[in-house]
Amino acid sequence: MSTEPVARREWLSLTAEDARLVDLLLEPGSDERAALEELATEKGEELGTSKAALLRAAFHLGVRDIRDLARDKGYQRLAASITRQESDEDRAITRSRRRRADGADGG
């Protein structure tokens, strides 16, 4: 369970389907609960047993995926902004450094 103080409490309206998912996350033997536990373990997310803790873990896992995707999009924009000349210059520098490193290693 998180020991961080609550900065803000939000209210969220759920569709019937979302509410059913929440119910399934609370069922220890459900596939949904098993999936949440597996994802939490993979991502190092703390998974409590209370409804609030389970929802917080599911939220954090989703937020992490959103942030990762946003970071990827930023990298894609950055890569797209690099000109062909800059790319060629970067490759030339990398090749030069590799040749020097290979020469220093006796390769």
Protein backbone atom coordinates (compact mmCIF):
# COMPACT_ATOMS: atom_id res chain seq x y z
CA MET A 1 0.00 0.00 0.00
CA SER A 2 1.30 3.42 -0.91
CA THR A 3 2.44 5.64 1.94
CA GLU A 4 2.33 8.80 -0.18
CA PRO A 5 -0.16 11.40 1.04
CA VAL A 6 -3.25 11.84 -1.07
CA ALA A 7 -2.77 14.97 -3.14
CA ARG A 8 -6.18 14.87 -4.73
CA ARG A 9 -9.18 12.61 -4.81
CA GLU A 10 -11.04 12.24 -8.10
CA TRP A 11 -14.45 10.77 -8.80
CA LEU A 12 -14.89 8.57 -11.82
CA SER A 13 -18.12 7.43 -13.40
CA LEU A 14 -17.94 3.87 -14.70
CA THR A 15 -19.87 2.20 -17.46
CA ALA A 16 -21.52 -1.11 -16.63
CA GLU A 17 -18.67 -2.90 -18.42
CA ASP A 18 -16.03 -0.99 -16.43
CA ALA A 19 -17.87 -1.73 -13.17
CA ARG A 20 -17.91 -5.44 -14.06
CA LEU A 21 -14.16 -5.29 -14.67
CA VAL A 22 -13.65 -3.74 -11.24
CA ASP A 23 -15.70 -6.59 -9.75
CA LEU A 24 -13.54 -9.11 -11.59
CA LEU A 25 -10.34 -7.43 -10.40
CA LEU A 26 -11.58 -7.99 -6.85
CA GLU A 27 -12.13 -11.74 -7.44
CA PRO A 28 -8.93 -13.56 -6.47
CA GLY A 29 -9.43 -16.40 -8.98
CA SER A 30 -10.49 -14.36 -11.99
CA ASP A 31 -8.43 -14.11 -15.17
CA GLU A 32 -8.61 -10.32 -14.88
CA ARG A 33 -7.14 -10.39 -11.38
CA ALA A 34 -4.42 -12.79 -12.53
CA ALA A 35 -3.62 -10.48 -15.45
CA LEU A 36 -3.40 -7.47 -13.13
CA GLU A 37 -1.14 -9.39 -10.73
CA GLU A 38 1.11 -10.47 -13.60
CA LEU A 39 1.36 -6.96 -15.02
CA ALA A 40 1.99 -5.50 -11.58
CA THR A 41 4.80 -7.99 -10.97
CA GLU A 42 6.38 -7.30 -14.38
CA LYS A 43 6.24 -3.53 -13.89
CA GLY A 44 7.21 -3.51 -10.21
CA GLU A 45 3.86 -2.07 -9.18
CA GLU A 46 2.72 -2.68 -5.63
CA LEU A 47 -0.57 -4.56 -5.58
CA GLY A 48 -2.60 -4.35 -2.40
CA THR A 49 -5.77 -6.24 -1.58
CA SER A 50 -8.27 -3.44 -1.04
CA LYS A 51 -10.48 -2.18 -3.82
CA ALA A 52 -8.75 1.19 -3.73
CA ALA A 53 -5.29 -0.42 -3.90
CA LEU A 54 -6.25 -2.62 -6.85
CA LEU A 55 -7.76 0.32 -8.74
CA ARG A 56 -4.71 2.46 -7.98
CA ALA A 57 -2.42 -0.28 -9.31
CA ALA A 58 -4.50 -0.65 -12.48
CA PHE A 59 -4.46 3.12 -12.91
CA HIS A 60 -0.70 3.34 -12.40
CA LEU A 61 -0.10 0.58 -14.94
CA GLY A 62 -2.24 2.43 -17.48
CA VAL A 63 -0.53 5.74 -16.73
CA ARG A 64 2.88 4.10 -17.16
CA ASP A 65 1.83 2.82 -20.60
CA ILE A 66 0.52 6.27 -21.55
CA ARG A 67 3.78 7.91 -20.49
CA ASP A 68 5.85 5.32 -22.36
CA LEU A 69 3.82 5.86 -25.53
CA ALA A 70 4.05 9.65 -25.16
CA ARG A 71 7.84 9.35 -24.74
CA ASP A 72 8.04 7.17 -27.86
CA LYS A 73 6.06 9.74 -29.83
CA GLY A 74 8.45 12.46 -28.64
CA TYR A 75 11.44 10.40 -29.78
CA GLN A 76 9.75 9.85 -33.15
CA ARG A 77 9.21 13.61 -33.54
CA LEU A 78 12.82 14.26 -32.60
CA ALA A 79 14.07 11.66 -35.08
CA ALA A 80 11.87 13.13 -37.81
CA SER A 81 13.27 16.61 -37.13
CA ILE A 82 16.86 15.53 -37.70
CA THR A 83 17.97 16.43 -41.20
CA ARG A 84 19.66 14.00 -43.55
CA GLN A 85 22.91 15.97 -43.24
CA GLU A 86 22.81 15.79 -39.42
CA SER A 87 22.14 12.06 -39.62
CA ASP A 88 25.06 11.53 -42.02
CA GLU A 89 27.35 13.59 -39.77
CA ASP A 90 26.32 11.55 -36.71
CA ARG A 91 27.01 8.30 -38.57
CA ALA A 92 30.43 9.55 -39.67
CA ILE A 93 31.34 10.44 -36.09
CA THR A 94 30.17 7.04 -34.87
CA ARG A 95 32.22 5.22 -37.57
CA SER A 96 35.28 7.30 -36.68
CA ARG A 97 34.96 6.50 -32.98
CA ARG A 98 34.50 2.81 -33.71
CA ARG A 99 37.62 2.74 -35.91
CA ARG A 100 39.63 4.45 -33.16
CA ALA A 101 38.28 2.05 -30.55
CA ASP A 102 39.03 -0.96 -32.75
CA GLY A 103 42.58 0.35 -33.32
CA ALA A 104 43.12 0.87 -29.58
CA ASP A 105 41.98 -2.68 -28.88
CA GLY A 106 44.37 -4.07 -31.42
CA GLY A 107 41.41 -5.15 -33.60
